[in-house]
Amino acid sequence: MYILVKGAEPDRIFTDHTRNYDRYKLQAIDTVQFPGRVSIMKVAQGNVYGYVYSKTAILKYNTHLHQTDSFFTNRILPLSIVTRLEIDTNTNTFYLFDDIGKKITSYQSGTGKLDSIIYPDTTTARSFKDIYETAFLITNYDTTKKVTQLKLRNFNAPVQDSTLYEFPRFEDGGLSADGFYIRNMPSRNHFYIPFYNSGIIKYDEQHNKIQVIHTIDHTPPSNIAVPTGNIYTRSSKSIVVNSTATSDQEHLYILSYVLSKDVLSSGYRGPAIDVYNIMSGKYEGSFRLPGYQNSPVLQLAKCSDTLIAAYEKNILLFKLTSQ
């Protein structure tokens, strides 16, 4: 959260690309207030789930009933902090990651069953189809190679832990490859989106295929860290490019802080959401989110034709149409 709020301004990067704002239109349809900053947000089957760190709780907003309820609280959740939330809509199973990614807790909303899943150290070959429900992208810093690796990790034994991609090598302890994960269950696509460069890593689970999607920002990988004693810290010159994203079965929506040529004529210096075709990786257009109470957009989610944006404690719902 510090990276997003403090790192995006005031320094900005410029691109030679001119964004196209003619294709997509937004219409505000609902506003929901949560009892704290929403640091993680997911949407499934008409429900918006927001994790509020200050309350150690996940709240659920039903878009049909316009009602907010507690979904998880620190009294029933065996994790002191949640760093990632994934939802399997086919089984109504929720997966909650701990702070170091070595343990996840699964929760079945229909039965109320809670299970802790520990990642063991052994590996055994297994079909990708069999492990998909509990297989997630993770990053791992190989201390021998001194390189960050993108892996597919299965949290059910027997375990498959496969290296899918290695990031460019920098002497920075892996900070330059820092980013976040997007997973779209219907299309069976995983995405790793780096904060600091334009190379989006797509993993097609169905075909076991890796693809690098280059955004219109054209920001190359670079060393964004400096040594501080025995550790590396972010350089004051590091600039966030991609801050949050979401996807549906056909498109990837990325909130970019890179300024394009159109700012010279329009004067708009806020972030833009750039839309990419998942199959081809091609840019298809952009749109702007309206400002709300001078708050940054922290999270994005999408369900059907509804785009959901979290502005600090408020979640706004928009109808998104294309022409």
C-alpha atoms as a PDB file:
ATOM      1  CA  MET A   1       0.000   0.000   0.000  1.00  0.00           C
ATOM      2  CA  TYR A   2       2.916   2.373   0.683  1.00  0.00           C
ATOM      3  CA  ILE A   3       4.254   1.680  -2.798  1.00  0.00           C
ATOM      4  CA  LEU A   4       0.923   2.572  -4.376  1.00  0.00           C
ATOM      5  CA  VAL A   5       0.034   5.703  -2.439  1.00  0.00           C
ATOM      6  CA  LYS A   6       3.493   7.218  -2.006  1.00  0.00           C
ATOM      7  CA  GLY A   7       5.297   5.919  -5.068  1.00  0.00           C
ATOM      8  CA  ALA A   8       2.950   7.027  -7.833  1.00  0.00           C
ATOM      9  CA  GLU A   9       3.292  10.797  -7.285  1.00  0.00           C
ATOM     10  CA  PRO A  10       4.879  13.236  -7.843  1.00  0.00           C
ATOM     11  CA  ASP A  11       7.330  11.539 -10.265  1.00  0.00           C
ATOM     12  CA  ARG A  12       5.779  10.319 -13.503  1.00  0.00           C
ATOM     13  CA  ILE A  13       6.954   8.581 -16.656  1.00  0.00           C
ATOM     14  CA  PHE A  14       5.946   9.696 -20.155  1.00  0.00           C
ATOM     15  CA  THR A  15       5.207   7.479 -23.160  1.00  0.00           C
ATOM     16  CA  ASP A  16       5.077   8.390 -26.839  1.00  0.00           C
ATOM     17  CA  HIS A  17       1.769   6.545 -27.211  1.00  0.00           C
ATOM     18  CA  THR A  18      -1.515   8.476 -27.484  1.00  0.00           C
ATOM     19  CA  ARG A  19      -4.351   6.789 -25.632  1.00  0.00           C
ATOM     20  CA  ASN A  20      -7.687   6.170 -27.349  1.00  0.00           C
ATOM     21  CA  TYR A  21     -10.633   7.151 -25.117  1.00  0.00           C
ATOM     22  CA  ASP A  22     -13.394   6.668 -27.714  1.00  0.00           C
ATOM     23  CA  ARG A  23     -14.249   3.019 -27.183  1.00  0.00           C
ATOM     24  CA  TYR A  24     -15.138   2.656 -23.481  1.00  0.00           C
ATOM     25  CA  LYS A  25     -17.714   4.531 -21.409  1.00  0.00           C
ATOM     26  CA  LEU A  26     -18.325   4.523 -17.645  1.00  0.00           C
ATOM     27  CA  GLN A  27     -21.555   5.198 -15.781  1.00  0.00           C
ATOM     28  CA  ALA A  28     -21.567   5.371 -11.965  1.00  0.00           C
ATOM     29  CA  ILE A  29     -24.243   3.097 -10.447  1.00  0.00           C
ATOM     30  CA  ASP A  30     -23.433   2.628  -6.740  1.00  0.00           C
ATOM     31  CA  THR A  31     -21.203   3.766  -3.870  1.00  0.00           C
ATOM     32  CA  VAL A  32     -20.429   1.667  -0.789  1.00  0.00           C
ATOM     33  CA  GLN A  33     -18.559   2.738   2.341  1.00  0.00           C
ATOM     34  CA  PHE A  34     -16.352   0.280   4.230  1.00  0.00           C
ATOM     35  CA  PRO A  35     -15.079   0.778   7.821  1.00  0.00           C
ATOM     36  CA  GLY A  36     -11.457   1.205   6.743  1.00  0.00           C
ATOM     37  CA  ARG A  37      -9.056   1.217   3.811  1.00  0.00           C
ATOM     38  CA  VAL A  38      -9.781  -1.664   1.428  1.00  0.00           C
ATOM     39  CA  SER A  39      -6.402  -3.290   0.798  1.00  0.00           C
ATOM     40  CA  ILE A  40      -7.637  -6.387  -1.071  1.00  0.00           C
ATOM     41  CA  MET A  41     -10.773  -6.678  -3.190  1.00  0.00           C
ATOM     42  CA  LYS A  42     -12.351  -9.515  -5.144  1.00  0.00           C
ATOM     43  CA  VAL A  43     -15.760  -9.968  -6.733  1.00  0.00           C
ATOM     44  CA  ALA A  44     -17.719 -13.160  -7.356  1.00  0.00           C
ATOM     45  CA  GLN A  45     -21.352 -13.974  -8.134  1.00  0.00           C
ATOM     46  CA  GLY A  46     -22.649 -10.487  -7.443  1.00  0.00           C
ATOM     47  CA  ASN A  47     -20.727 -10.048  -4.184  1.00  0.00           C
ATOM     48  CA  VAL A  48     -17.843  -7.653  -3.563  1.00  0.00           C
ATOM     49  CA  TYR A  49     -15.348  -8.846  -0.938  1.00  0.00           C
ATOM     50  CA  GLY A  50     -13.063  -6.268   0.643  1.00  0.00           C
ATOM     51  CA  TYR A  51     -10.300  -6.956   3.158  1.00  0.00           C
ATOM     52  CA  VAL A  52      -9.869  -4.177   5.710  1.00  0.00           C
ATOM     53  CA  TYR A  53      -6.500  -4.569   7.404  1.00  0.00           C
ATOM     54  CA  SER A  54      -7.303  -2.270  10.333  1.00  0.00           C
ATOM     55  CA  LYS A  55     -10.284  -4.496  11.220  1.00  0.00           C
ATOM     56  CA  THR A  56      -8.581  -7.810  10.317  1.00  0.00           C
ATOM     57  CA  ALA A  57     -11.794  -8.638   8.532  1.00  0.00           C
ATOM     58  CA  ILE A  58     -13.268  -9.332   5.099  1.00  0.00           C
ATOM     59  CA  LEU A  59     -16.588  -7.650   4.431  1.00  0.00           C
ATOM     60  CA  LYS A  60     -19.076  -8.677   1.766  1.00  0.00           C
ATOM     61  CA  TYR A  61     -21.268  -6.276  -0.188  1.00  0.00           C
ATOM     62  CA  ASN A  62     -24.183  -7.815  -2.094  1.00  0.00           C
ATOM     63  CA  THR A  63     -24.819  -5.772  -5.230  1.00  0.00           C
ATOM     64  CA  HIS A  64     -28.397  -7.016  -5.569  1.00  0.00           C
ATOM     65  CA  LEU A  65     -29.521  -6.436  -1.977  1.00  0.00           C
ATOM     66  CA  HIS A  66     -27.259  -3.367  -1.497  1.00  0.00           C
ATOM     67  CA  GLN A  67     -26.258  -4.805   1.852  1.00  0.00           C
ATOM     68  CA  THR A  68     -22.876  -5.067   3.612  1.00  0.00           C
ATOM     69  CA  ASP A  69     -22.074  -7.867   6.070  1.00  0.00           C
ATOM     70  CA  SER A  70     -19.010  -9.270   7.812  1.00  0.00           C
ATOM     71  CA  PHE A  71     -17.693 -12.315   5.971  1.00  0.00           C
ATOM     72  CA  PHE A  72     -14.483 -13.140   7.880  1.00  0.00           C
ATOM     73  CA  THR A  73     -13.382 -11.642  11.170  1.00  0.00           C
ATOM     74  CA  ASN A  74     -10.230 -12.094  13.261  1.00  0.00           C
ATOM     75  CA  ARG A  75     -12.259 -14.218  15.691  1.00  0.00           C
ATOM     76  CA  ILE A  76     -12.769 -17.048  13.182  1.00  0.00           C
ATOM     77  CA  LEU A  77      -9.874 -16.479  10.799  1.00  0.00           C
ATOM     78  CA  PRO A  78      -6.635 -18.260  11.867  1.00  0.00           C
ATOM     79  CA  LEU A  79      -4.423 -15.629  10.193  1.00  0.00           C
ATOM     80  CA  SER A  80      -3.164 -12.423  11.773  1.00  0.00           C
ATOM     81  CA  ILE A  81      -3.031 -10.760   8.360  1.00  0.00           C
ATOM     82  CA  VAL A  82      -4.317 -11.602   4.882  1.00  0.00           C
ATOM     83  CA  THR A  83      -2.030 -10.650   1.991  1.00  0.00           C
ATOM     84  CA  ARG A  84      -3.940 -12.238  -0.892  1.00  0.00           C
ATOM     85  CA  LEU A  85      -7.450 -13.517  -1.543  1.00  0.00           C
ATOM     86  CA  GLU A  86      -8.522 -15.921  -4.303  1.00  0.00           C
ATOM     87  CA  ILE A  87     -12.007 -17.285  -4.983  1.00  0.00           C
ATOM     88  CA  ASP A  88     -12.962 -20.490  -6.797  1.00  0.00           C
ATOM     89  CA  THR A  89     -16.514 -19.739  -7.945  1.00  0.00           C
ATOM     90  CA  ASN A  90     -17.108 -23.338  -9.045  1.00  0.00           C
ATOM     91  CA  THR A  91     -16.794 -24.682  -5.498  1.00  0.00           C
ATOM     92  CA  ASN A  92     -17.441 -21.486  -3.495  1.00  0.00           C
ATOM     93  CA  THR A  93     -14.031 -21.923  -1.911  1.00  0.00           C
ATOM     94  CA  PHE A  94     -12.004 -18.948  -0.673  1.00  0.00           C
ATOM     95  CA  TYR A  95      -8.202 -19.093  -0.389  1.00  0.00           C
ATOM     96  CA  LEU A  96      -6.496 -16.663   2.004  1.00  0.00           C
ATOM     97  CA  PHE A  97      -2.712 -16.235   2.032  1.00  0.00           C
ATOM     98  CA  ASP A  98      -0.593 -15.431   5.071  1.00  0.00           C
ATOM     99  CA  ASP A  99       2.108 -12.756   5.176  1.00  0.00           C
ATOM    100  CA  ILE A 100       4.944 -14.937   3.820  1.00  0.00           C
ATOM    101  CA  GLY A 101       2.987 -17.054   1.322  1.00  0.00           C
ATOM    102  CA  LYS A 102       3.917 -20.363   2.945  1.00  0.00           C
ATOM    103  CA  LYS A 103       0.430 -21.077   4.195  1.00  0.00           C
ATOM    104  CA  ILE A 104      -3.066 -20.557   2.869  1.00  0.00           C
ATOM    105  CA  THR A 105      -6.407 -21.128   4.524  1.00  0.00           C
ATOM    106  CA  SER A 106      -9.305 -22.458   2.505  1.00  0.00           C
ATOM    107  CA  TYR A 107     -12.861 -21.632   3.459  1.00  0.00           C
ATOM    108  CA  GLN A 108     -16.028 -23.120   1.949  1.00  0.00           C
ATOM    109  CA  SER A 109     -18.806 -20.604   2.367  1.00  0.00           C
ATOM    110  CA  GLY A 110     -21.571 -23.195   2.012  1.00  0.00           C
ATOM    111  CA  THR A 111     -20.392 -25.458   4.838  1.00  0.00           C
ATOM    112  CA  GLY A 112     -18.292 -23.021   6.868  1.00  0.00           C
ATOM    113  CA  LYS A 113     -15.361 -25.447   6.676  1.00  0.00           C
ATOM    114  CA  LEU A 114     -11.900 -24.006   7.389  1.00  0.00           C
ATOM    115  CA  ASP A 115      -8.706 -25.831   6.410  1.00  0.00           C
ATOM    116  CA  SER A 116      -5.087 -24.775   6.707  1.00  0.00           C
ATOM    117  CA  ILE A 117      -2.918 -25.840   3.793  1.00  0.00           C
ATOM    118  CA  ILE A 118       0.818 -25.868   4.429  1.00  0.00           C
ATOM    119  CA  TYR A 119       3.244 -25.908   1.529  1.00  0.00           C
ATOM    120  CA  PRO A 120       5.702 -28.800   2.032  1.00  0.00           C
ATOM    121  CA  ASP A 121       9.292 -28.794   0.811  1.00  0.00           C
ATOM    122  CA  THR A 122       9.057 -31.910  -1.390  1.00  0.00           C
ATOM    123  CA  THR A 123       7.947 -31.924  -5.011  1.00  0.00           C
ATOM    124  CA  THR A 124       6.169 -34.594  -7.006  1.00  0.00           C
ATOM    125  CA  ALA A 125       5.073 -34.449 -10.630  1.00  0.00           C
ATOM    126  CA  ARG A 126       1.338 -34.119 -11.140  1.00  0.00           C
ATOM    127  CA  SER A 127      -1.100 -33.174 -13.896  1.00  0.00           C
ATOM    128  CA  PHE A 128      -1.790 -29.428 -14.215  1.00  0.00           C
ATOM    129  CA  LYS A 129      -5.501 -30.186 -14.602  1.00  0.00           C
ATOM    130  CA  ASP A 130      -5.563 -31.965 -11.256  1.00  0.00           C
ATOM    131  CA  ILE A 131      -3.855 -29.165  -9.336  1.00  0.00           C
ATOM    132  CA  TYR A 132      -5.543 -26.095 -10.816  1.00  0.00           C
ATOM    133  CA  GLU A 133      -7.959 -25.454  -7.953  1.00  0.00           C
ATOM    134  CA  THR A 134      -5.109 -24.976  -5.465  1.00  0.00           C
ATOM    135  CA  ALA A 135      -2.384 -23.831  -7.845  1.00  0.00           C
ATOM    136  CA  PHE A 136      -1.329 -20.193  -7.660  1.00  0.00           C
ATOM    137  CA  LEU A 137       1.430 -18.049  -9.099  1.00  0.00           C
ATOM    138  CA  ILE A 138       4.074 -17.055  -6.574  1.00  0.00           C
ATOM    139  CA  THR A 139       7.448 -15.333  -6.867  1.00  0.00           C
ATOM    140  CA  ASN A 140      10.587 -16.745  -5.339  1.00  0.00           C
ATOM    141  CA  TYR A 141      14.064 -15.230  -5.095  1.00  0.00           C
ATOM    142  CA  ASP A 142      16.729 -17.791  -5.947  1.00  0.00           C
ATOM    143  CA  THR A 143      19.654 -16.840  -3.718  1.00  0.00           C
ATOM    144  CA  THR A 144      22.092 -18.960  -5.750  1.00  0.00           C
ATOM    145  CA  LYS A 145      21.234 -17.472  -9.147  1.00  0.00           C
ATOM    146  CA  LYS A 146      20.335 -14.125  -7.560  1.00  0.00           C
ATOM    147  CA  VAL A 147      17.260 -13.912  -9.753  1.00  0.00           C
ATOM    148  CA  THR A 148      13.519 -13.711  -9.115  1.00  0.00           C
ATOM    149  CA  GLN A 149      11.485 -16.617 -10.457  1.00  0.00           C
ATOM    150  CA  LEU A 150       7.781 -16.854 -11.232  1.00  0.00           C
ATOM    151  CA  LYS A 151       6.461 -20.238 -10.148  1.00  0.00           C
ATOM    152  CA  LEU A 152       3.247 -22.211 -10.183  1.00  0.00           C
ATOM    153  CA  ARG A 153       2.795 -23.612  -6.712  1.00  0.00           C
ATOM    154  CA  ASN A 154       0.287 -26.262  -5.715  1.00  0.00           C
ATOM    155  CA  PHE A 155      -0.669 -26.253  -2.055  1.00  0.00           C
ATOM    156  CA  ASN A 156      -2.087 -29.777  -2.031  1.00  0.00           C
ATOM    157  CA  ALA A 157       0.200 -32.813  -1.664  1.00  0.00           C
ATOM    158  CA  PRO A 158       1.625 -34.320  -3.816  1.00  0.00           C
ATOM    159  CA  VAL A 159       3.126 -30.994  -4.774  1.00  0.00           C
ATOM    160  CA  GLN A 160       4.003 -29.460  -8.138  1.00  0.00           C
ATOM    161  CA  ASP A 161       6.251 -26.411  -7.871  1.00  0.00           C
ATOM    162  CA  SER A 162       7.235 -25.394 -11.393  1.00  0.00           C
ATOM    163  CA  THR A 163       9.397 -22.465 -12.489  1.00  0.00           C
ATOM    164  CA  LEU A 164       7.569 -20.691 -15.303  1.00  0.00           C
ATOM    165  CA  TYR A 165       9.671 -17.571 -15.863  1.00  0.00           C
ATOM    166  CA  GLU A 166      12.856 -15.877 -14.683  1.00  0.00           C
ATOM    167  CA  PHE A 167      12.974 -12.097 -14.428  1.00  0.00           C
ATOM    168  CA  PRO A 168      15.970 -10.013 -15.573  1.00  0.00           C
ATOM    169  CA  ARG A 169      18.792 -10.229 -13.067  1.00  0.00           C
ATOM    170  CA  PHE A 170      19.544  -7.188 -10.943  1.00  0.00           C
ATOM    171  CA  GLU A 171      21.577  -6.820  -7.754  1.00  0.00           C
ATOM    172  CA  ASP A 172      18.543  -5.799  -5.753  1.00  0.00           C
ATOM    173  CA  GLY A 173      17.325  -8.842  -3.857  1.00  0.00           C
ATOM    174  CA  GLY A 174      14.355  -9.194  -6.188  1.00  0.00           C
ATOM    175  CA  LEU A 175      12.724  -5.805  -5.515  1.00  0.00           C
ATOM    176  CA  SER A 176      12.786  -4.784  -9.191  1.00  0.00           C
ATOM    177  CA  ALA A 177      10.472  -7.704 -10.025  1.00  0.00           C
ATOM    178  CA  ASP A 178       7.963  -6.804  -7.318  1.00  0.00           C
ATOM    179  CA  GLY A 179       4.340  -6.920  -8.457  1.00  0.00           C
ATOM    180  CA  PHE A 180       0.926  -8.480  -7.924  1.00  0.00           C
ATOM    181  CA  TYR A 181      -1.250 -11.345  -9.146  1.00  0.00           C
ATOM    182  CA  ILE A 182      -4.493 -11.579 -11.114  1.00  0.00           C
ATOM    183  CA  ARG A 183      -6.308 -14.879 -11.617  1.00  0.00           C
ATOM    184  CA  ASN A 184      -9.350 -15.368 -13.868  1.00  0.00           C
ATOM    185  CA  MET A 185     -11.049 -18.684 -13.124  1.00  0.00           C
ATOM    186  CA  PRO A 186     -13.349 -19.001 -16.198  1.00  0.00           C
ATOM    187  CA  SER A 187     -10.548 -18.418 -18.716  1.00  0.00           C
ATOM    188  CA  ARG A 188      -7.969 -20.294 -16.578  1.00  0.00           C
ATOM    189  CA  ASN A 189      -5.476 -17.478 -17.022  1.00  0.00           C
ATOM    190  CA  HIS A 190      -3.019 -16.209 -14.407  1.00  0.00           C
ATOM    191  CA  PHE A 191      -1.273 -12.839 -14.629  1.00  0.00           C
ATOM    192  CA  TYR A 192       1.731 -11.409 -12.845  1.00  0.00           C
ATOM    193  CA  ILE A 193       1.845  -7.623 -13.181  1.00  0.00           C
ATOM    194  CA  PRO A 194       5.061  -5.862 -12.110  1.00  0.00           C
ATOM    195  CA  PHE A 195       4.844  -2.457 -10.438  1.00  0.00           C
ATOM    196  CA  TYR A 196       7.825  -0.952 -12.250  1.00  0.00           C
ATOM    197  CA  ASN A 197       7.830  -2.063 -15.907  1.00  0.00           C
ATOM    198  CA  SER A 198       5.493  -2.822 -18.798  1.00  0.00           C
ATOM    199  CA  GLY A 199       6.130  -6.568 -19.131  1.00  0.00           C
ATOM    200  CA  ILE A 200       2.978  -8.428 -18.004  1.00  0.00           C
ATOM    201  CA  ILE A 201       3.473 -12.186 -17.552  1.00  0.00           C
ATOM    202  CA  LYS A 202       0.462 -14.265 -18.605  1.00  0.00           C
ATOM    203  CA  TYR A 203       0.239 -17.969 -17.796  1.00  0.00           C
ATOM    204  CA  ASP A 204      -2.364 -19.929 -19.763  1.00  0.00           C
ATOM    205  CA  GLU A 205      -3.017 -22.864 -17.455  1.00  0.00           C
ATOM    206  CA  GLN A 206      -5.144 -24.764 -19.958  1.00  0.00           C
ATOM    207  CA  HIS A 207      -2.337 -24.919 -22.535  1.00  0.00           C
ATOM    208  CA  ASN A 208       0.555 -24.645 -20.054  1.00  0.00           C
ATOM    209  CA  LYS A 209       1.890 -21.622 -21.941  1.00  0.00           C
ATOM    210  CA  ILE A 210       3.688 -18.433 -20.898  1.00  0.00           C
ATOM    211  CA  GLN A 211       3.208 -15.154 -22.791  1.00  0.00           C
ATOM    212  CA  VAL A 212       4.699 -11.715 -22.121  1.00  0.00           C
ATOM    213  CA  ILE A 213       2.273  -8.877 -22.866  1.00  0.00           C
ATOM    214  CA  HIS A 214       4.006  -5.533 -23.366  1.00  0.00           C
ATOM    215  CA  THR A 215       1.833  -2.563 -22.487  1.00  0.00           C
ATOM    216  CA  ILE A 216       1.784   0.745 -24.359  1.00  0.00           C
ATOM    217  CA  ASP A 217       3.918   2.267 -21.590  1.00  0.00           C
ATOM    218  CA  HIS A 218       7.056   0.540 -22.976  1.00  0.00           C
ATOM    219  CA  THR A 219       8.844   0.785 -19.631  1.00  0.00           C
ATOM    220  CA  PRO A 220      11.804  -1.672 -19.579  1.00  0.00           C
ATOM    221  CA  PRO A 221      12.913  -3.623 -16.507  1.00  0.00           C
ATOM    222  CA  SER A 222      15.454  -1.717 -14.427  1.00  0.00           C
ATOM    223  CA  ASN A 223      17.157  -1.805 -11.056  1.00  0.00           C
ATOM    224  CA  ILE A 224      14.930   0.173  -8.671  1.00  0.00           C
ATOM    225  CA  ALA A 225      16.776  -0.682  -5.446  1.00  0.00           C
ATOM    226  CA  VAL A 226      19.840   0.515  -3.583  1.00  0.00           C
ATOM    227  CA  PRO A 227      21.939  -1.387  -1.011  1.00  0.00           C
ATOM    228  CA  THR A 228      21.438  -0.281   2.580  1.00  0.00           C
ATOM    229  CA  GLY A 229      23.788  -2.199   4.809  1.00  0.00           C
ATOM    230  CA  ASN A 230      23.051  -5.886   4.316  1.00  0.00           C
ATOM    231  CA  ILE A 231      19.656  -5.313   2.681  1.00  0.00           C
ATOM    232  CA  TYR A 232      18.193  -3.621  -0.391  1.00  0.00           C
ATOM    233  CA  THR A 233      15.618  -0.826  -0.251  1.00  0.00           C
ATOM    234  CA  ARG A 234      13.584   0.945  -2.920  1.00  0.00           C
ATOM    235  CA  SER A 235      15.365   3.828  -4.570  1.00  0.00           C
ATOM    236  CA  SER A 236      13.745   7.242  -4.265  1.00  0.00           C
ATOM    237  CA  LYS A 237      13.920   7.344  -8.072  1.00  0.00           C
ATOM    238  CA  SER A 238      11.762   4.233  -8.537  1.00  0.00           C
ATOM    239  CA  ILE A 239       8.401   5.033 -10.140  1.00  0.00           C
ATOM    240  CA  VAL A 240       5.250   2.915 -10.061  1.00  0.00           C
ATOM    241  CA  VAL A 241       3.938   2.149 -13.548  1.00  0.00           C
ATOM    242  CA  ASN A 242       1.125  -0.351 -12.886  1.00  0.00           C
ATOM    243  CA  SER A 243      -0.685   0.016  -9.561  1.00  0.00           C
ATOM    244  CA  THR A 244      -3.649  -2.373  -9.795  1.00  0.00           C
ATOM    245  CA  ALA A 245      -5.520  -4.430 -12.383  1.00  0.00           C
ATOM    246  CA  THR A 246      -8.384  -6.810 -13.026  1.00  0.00           C
ATOM    247  CA  SER A 247      -9.519  -9.100 -15.817  1.00  0.00           C
ATOM    248  CA  ASP A 248     -12.488 -10.861 -17.348  1.00  0.00           C
ATOM    249  CA  GLN A 249     -12.451 -13.735 -19.817  1.00  0.00           C
ATOM    250  CA  GLU A 250     -11.458 -11.548 -22.765  1.00  0.00           C
ATOM    251  CA  HIS A 251      -9.681  -8.464 -21.450  1.00  0.00           C
ATOM    252  CA  LEU A 252      -7.086  -7.268 -18.970  1.00  0.00           C
ATOM    253  CA  TYR A 253      -7.649  -3.858 -17.346  1.00  0.00           C
ATOM    254  CA  ILE A 254      -4.527  -2.142 -15.959  1.00  0.00           C
ATOM    255  CA  LEU A 255      -4.449   1.108 -13.984  1.00  0.00           C
ATOM    256  CA  SER A 256      -1.417   2.952 -15.354  1.00  0.00           C
ATOM    257  CA  TYR A 257       0.271   6.060 -13.980  1.00  0.00           C
ATOM    258  CA  VAL A 258       2.314   6.636 -17.148  1.00  0.00           C
ATOM    259  CA  LEU A 259       1.447   9.893 -18.903  1.00  0.00           C
ATOM    260  CA  SER A 260       0.709   9.619 -22.632  1.00  0.00           C
ATOM    261  CA  LYS A 261       0.829  12.271 -25.356  1.00  0.00           C
ATOM    262  CA  ASP A 262      -2.835  13.216 -24.931  1.00  0.00           C
ATOM    263  CA  VAL A 263      -2.086  14.913 -21.580  1.00  0.00           C
ATOM    264  CA  LEU A 264      -0.489  17.777 -23.494  1.00  0.00           C
ATOM    265  CA  SER A 265      -3.831  18.707 -25.069  1.00  0.00           C
ATOM    266  CA  SER A 266      -6.267  17.609 -22.356  1.00  0.00           C
ATOM    267  CA  GLY A 267      -4.298  18.552 -19.243  1.00  0.00           C
ATOM    268  CA  TYR A 268      -5.486  15.357 -17.516  1.00  0.00           C
ATOM    269  CA  ARG A 269      -2.677  13.986 -15.340  1.00  0.00           C
ATOM    270  CA  GLY A 270      -4.586  11.302 -13.469  1.00  0.00           C
ATOM    271  CA  PRO A 271      -4.152   7.567 -14.033  1.00  0.00           C
ATOM    272  CA  ALA A 272      -5.838   5.782 -16.922  1.00  0.00           C
ATOM    273  CA  ILE A 273      -7.170   2.254 -17.222  1.00  0.00           C
ATOM    274  CA  ASP A 274      -5.705   0.612 -20.313  1.00  0.00           C
ATOM    275  CA  VAL A 275      -7.525  -2.364 -21.838  1.00  0.00           C
ATOM    276  CA  TYR A 276      -5.690  -5.268 -23.513  1.00  0.00           C
ATOM    277  CA  ASN A 277      -6.977  -8.287 -25.389  1.00  0.00           C
ATOM    278  CA  ILE A 278      -5.956 -11.370 -23.423  1.00  0.00           C
ATOM    279  CA  MET A 279      -5.488 -13.617 -26.464  1.00  0.00           C
ATOM    280  CA  SER A 280      -3.470 -11.259 -28.662  1.00  0.00           C
ATOM    281  CA  GLY A 281      -2.026  -8.946 -26.004  1.00  0.00           C
ATOM    282  CA  LYS A 282      -3.000  -5.939 -28.144  1.00  0.00           C
ATOM    283  CA  TYR A 283      -4.067  -2.598 -26.710  1.00  0.00           C
ATOM    284  CA  GLU A 284      -7.765  -1.871 -27.360  1.00  0.00           C
ATOM    285  CA  GLY A 285      -8.407   1.461 -25.667  1.00  0.00           C
ATOM    286  CA  SER A 286      -8.446   3.372 -22.389  1.00  0.00           C
ATOM    287  CA  PHE A 287     -10.792   5.129 -20.027  1.00  0.00           C
ATOM    288  CA  ARG A 288     -10.477   7.391 -17.002  1.00  0.00           C
ATOM    289  CA  LEU A 289     -11.907   6.842 -13.564  1.00  0.00           C
ATOM    290  CA  PRO A 290     -13.518   9.903 -11.963  1.00  0.00           C
ATOM    291  CA  GLY A 291     -11.919  11.375  -8.864  1.00  0.00           C
ATOM    292  CA  TYR A 292     -13.548  10.692  -5.524  1.00  0.00           C
ATOM    293  CA  GLN A 293     -12.783  12.631  -2.316  1.00  0.00           C
ATOM    294  CA  ASN A 294      -9.172  13.177  -3.445  1.00  0.00           C
ATOM    295  CA  SER A 295      -8.460   9.485  -2.807  1.00  0.00           C
ATOM    296  CA  PRO A 296      -6.323   7.197  -4.991  1.00  0.00           C
ATOM    297  CA  VAL A 297      -7.771   4.085  -6.593  1.00  0.00           C
ATOM    298  CA  LEU A 298      -6.290   1.184  -4.632  1.00  0.00           C
ATOM    299  CA  GLN A 299      -8.024  -1.875  -6.092  1.00  0.00           C
ATOM    300  CA  LEU A 300      -9.984  -2.921  -9.190  1.00  0.00           C
ATOM    301  CA  ALA A 301     -12.385  -5.784  -9.855  1.00  0.00           C
ATOM    302  CA  LYS A 302     -14.803  -6.671 -12.636  1.00  0.00           C
ATOM    303  CA  CYS A 303     -17.976  -8.745 -12.795  1.00  0.00           C
ATOM    304  CA  SER A 304     -20.020  -8.983 -16.015  1.00  0.00           C
ATOM    305  CA  ASP A 305     -20.412  -5.385 -17.267  1.00  0.00           C
ATOM    306  CA  THR A 306     -19.651  -3.872 -13.839  1.00  0.00           C
ATOM    307  CA  LEU A 307     -16.275  -2.381 -12.969  1.00  0.00           C
ATOM    308  CA  ILE A 308     -15.562  -1.932  -9.259  1.00  0.00           C
ATOM    309  CA  ALA A 309     -12.966   0.505  -7.926  1.00  0.00           C
ATOM    310  CA  ALA A 310     -11.863   0.891  -4.300  1.00  0.00           C
ATOM    311  CA  TYR A 311     -11.011   4.470  -3.264  1.00  0.00           C
ATOM    312  CA  GLU A 312      -9.582   4.122   0.246  1.00  0.00           C
ATOM    313  CA  LYS A 313     -12.717   3.391   2.358  1.00  0.00           C
ATOM    314  CA  ASN A 314     -15.212   3.740  -0.469  1.00  0.00           C
ATOM    315  CA  ILE A 315     -16.028   1.293  -3.242  1.00  0.00           C
ATOM    316  CA  LEU A 316     -17.610   2.677  -6.395  1.00  0.00           C
ATOM    317  CA  LEU A 317     -19.425   0.552  -8.956  1.00  0.00           C
ATOM    318  CA  PHE A 318     -19.612   1.565 -12.616  1.00  0.00           C
ATOM    319  CA  LYS A 319     -21.346   0.162 -15.656  1.00  0.00           C
ATOM    320  CA  LEU A 320     -18.671  -0.317 -18.320  1.00  0.00           C
ATOM    321  CA  THR A 321     -19.736  -0.396 -21.965  1.00  0.00           C
ATOM    322  CA  SER A 322     -17.773  -0.523 -25.226  1.00  0.00           C
ATOM    323  CA  GLN A 323     -18.664   0.715 -28.681  1.00  0.00           C
END
